[in-house]
Amino acid sequence: QVQLLQSGGGLVQAGGSLSLPCVVSGDTISRYILRWYRQAPGKDREFVAESHWNTQVVFADSARGRFTISRDNSKNTMYLQMNNLKPEGTAVYYCNSADLWGQGTQVTVSS
C-alpha cells in the first residue's frame, strides 16, 4: 500500500525557514507527480507547489521565489524548502499525489 508520510513543520519567526519532507512509502518516488497544498484556518485548501519526475516544478504565486522543491530518490523523499516565511504562511501543509494525501503537518509563522 502506497502512503505519503510527512514530518517536520513547527513554529518559526517571520523571515525564517523550514524544510518539509514527504516520503513515498511502498513505491518508487520517480513514478509520481507530487504536490504540496496548504490549508489555513477558516480557508480552503490551496495549491502551493508541484514536482515532476523530470525536475520540472510549478509554484503558486505566493510561493514563487521563496520556496524550492527537491527530491532525493535514494530516500524516496521530496522536500519543500520554505524561505522568508510570512505569517500568512501559517497553515497545515499537505503532501499529495492524485488521490493520495499525507497526514499534514502544522507550520506556524509568528510575526
Protein backbone atom coordinates (compact mmCIF):
# COMPACT_ATOMS: atom_id res chain seq x y z
CA GLN A 1 0.00 0.00 0.00
CA VAL A 2 1.43 3.33 -1.06
CA GLN A 3 1.48 6.08 1.55
CA LEU A 4 2.75 9.64 1.74
CA LEU A 5 4.44 10.20 5.07
CA GLN A 6 5.10 13.70 6.37
CA SER A 7 7.19 15.11 9.19
CA GLY A 8 8.80 18.42 10.07
CA GLY A 9 6.89 21.66 10.47
CA GLY A 10 6.69 23.66 13.67
CA LEU A 11 6.93 27.24 14.83
CA VAL A 12 9.18 29.76 13.10
CA GLN A 13 9.53 33.53 13.16
CA ALA A 14 8.66 35.60 10.13
CA GLY A 15 11.60 35.64 7.75
CA GLY A 16 12.74 32.21 8.89
CA SER A 17 12.99 28.92 7.02
CA LEU A 18 11.60 25.40 7.28
CA SER A 19 12.00 22.24 5.26
CA LEU A 20 9.11 19.80 4.93
CA PRO A 21 9.86 16.22 3.83
CA CYS A 22 7.35 13.90 2.18
CA VAL A 23 8.29 10.23 1.91
CA VAL A 24 6.72 7.96 -0.69
CA SER A 25 6.33 4.70 1.18
CA GLY A 26 5.62 1.48 -0.72
CA ASP A 27 6.67 2.56 -4.21
CA THR A 28 9.32 4.45 -6.15
CA ILE A 29 9.13 8.23 -5.98
CA SER A 30 10.05 8.63 -9.66
CA ARG A 31 6.61 7.28 -10.63
CA TYR A 32 4.82 10.20 -9.03
CA ILE A 33 3.95 13.81 -9.67
CA LEU A 34 3.97 15.22 -6.15
CA ARG A 35 2.25 18.35 -4.93
CA TRP A 36 2.07 20.49 -1.82
CA TYR A 37 -1.11 22.10 -0.63
CA ARG A 38 -1.84 24.11 2.49
CA GLN A 39 -4.93 24.97 4.45
CA ALA A 40 -5.04 27.98 6.71
CA PRO A 41 -7.61 28.25 9.50
CA GLY A 42 -11.02 29.06 8.07
CA LYS A 43 -9.83 28.90 4.47
CA ASP A 44 -9.97 26.42 1.61
CA ARG A 45 -7.05 24.18 0.82
CA GLU A 46 -4.80 25.83 -1.76
CA PHE A 47 -2.09 24.69 -4.13
CA VAL A 48 1.49 25.57 -3.22
CA ALA A 49 3.89 23.68 -5.50
CA GLU A 50 4.32 20.70 -7.80
CA SER A 51 7.27 18.43 -8.60
CA HIS A 52 7.63 16.15 -11.62
CA TRP A 53 9.98 13.20 -12.04
CA ASN A 54 11.92 15.11 -14.73
CA THR A 55 12.76 18.00 -12.33
CA GLN A 56 10.01 20.24 -13.72
CA VAL A 57 8.47 22.29 -10.92
CA VAL A 58 5.49 24.62 -10.67
CA PHE A 59 4.84 27.15 -7.92
CA ALA A 60 1.86 29.18 -6.83
CA ASP A 61 2.42 32.93 -6.98
CA SER A 62 2.55 33.01 -3.18
CA ALA A 63 5.48 30.57 -3.14
CA ARG A 64 7.48 31.51 -6.21
CA GLY A 65 10.87 32.98 -5.40
CA ARG A 66 10.79 31.88 -1.76
CA PHE A 67 10.08 28.14 -1.89
CA THR A 68 12.01 25.39 -3.65
CA ILE A 69 11.37 21.68 -4.22
CA SER A 70 13.92 18.92 -4.39
CA ARG A 71 13.90 15.13 -4.49
CA ASP A 72 16.25 12.57 -3.00
CA ASN A 73 15.46 9.43 -4.99
CA SER A 74 17.70 7.31 -2.77
CA LYS A 75 15.43 8.19 0.16
CA ASN A 76 12.18 8.26 -1.82
CA THR A 77 11.68 11.72 -0.39
CA MET A 78 10.58 15.11 -1.70
CA TYR A 79 11.43 18.27 0.22
CA LEU A 80 9.65 21.62 0.27
CA GLN A 81 12.18 24.24 1.36
CA MET A 82 10.39 27.36 2.55
CA ASN A 83 12.41 30.54 2.99
CA ASN A 84 11.47 34.03 4.11
CA LEU A 85 8.28 32.71 5.65
CA LYS A 86 5.42 35.11 6.29
CA PRO A 87 2.68 34.99 8.95
CA GLU A 88 0.12 34.29 6.22
CA GLY A 89 2.01 31.07 5.59
CA THR A 90 0.60 29.66 8.82
CA ALA A 91 -1.32 26.56 7.77
CA VAL A 92 -1.40 22.80 7.71
CA TYR A 93 0.73 21.66 4.78
CA TYR A 94 -0.20 18.51 2.88
CA CYS A 95 1.77 16.33 0.51
CA ASN A 96 -0.36 14.95 -2.34
CA SER A 97 -0.28 12.77 -5.41
CA ALA A 98 -3.56 12.12 -7.24
CA ASP A 99 -5.86 10.64 -4.57
CA LEU A 100 -3.07 10.06 -2.04
CA TRP A 101 -2.64 12.54 0.80
CA GLY A 102 -0.13 12.83 3.57
CA GLN A 103 -1.35 13.32 7.11
CA GLY A 104 -0.49 17.02 7.12
CA THR A 105 1.96 18.99 9.19
CA GLN A 106 1.41 22.26 11.02
CA VAL A 107 3.51 25.29 10.15
CA THR A 108 3.09 28.37 12.31
CA VAL A 109 4.82 31.63 11.40
CA SER A 110 4.92 34.24 14.13
CA SER A 111 5.16 37.94 13.38
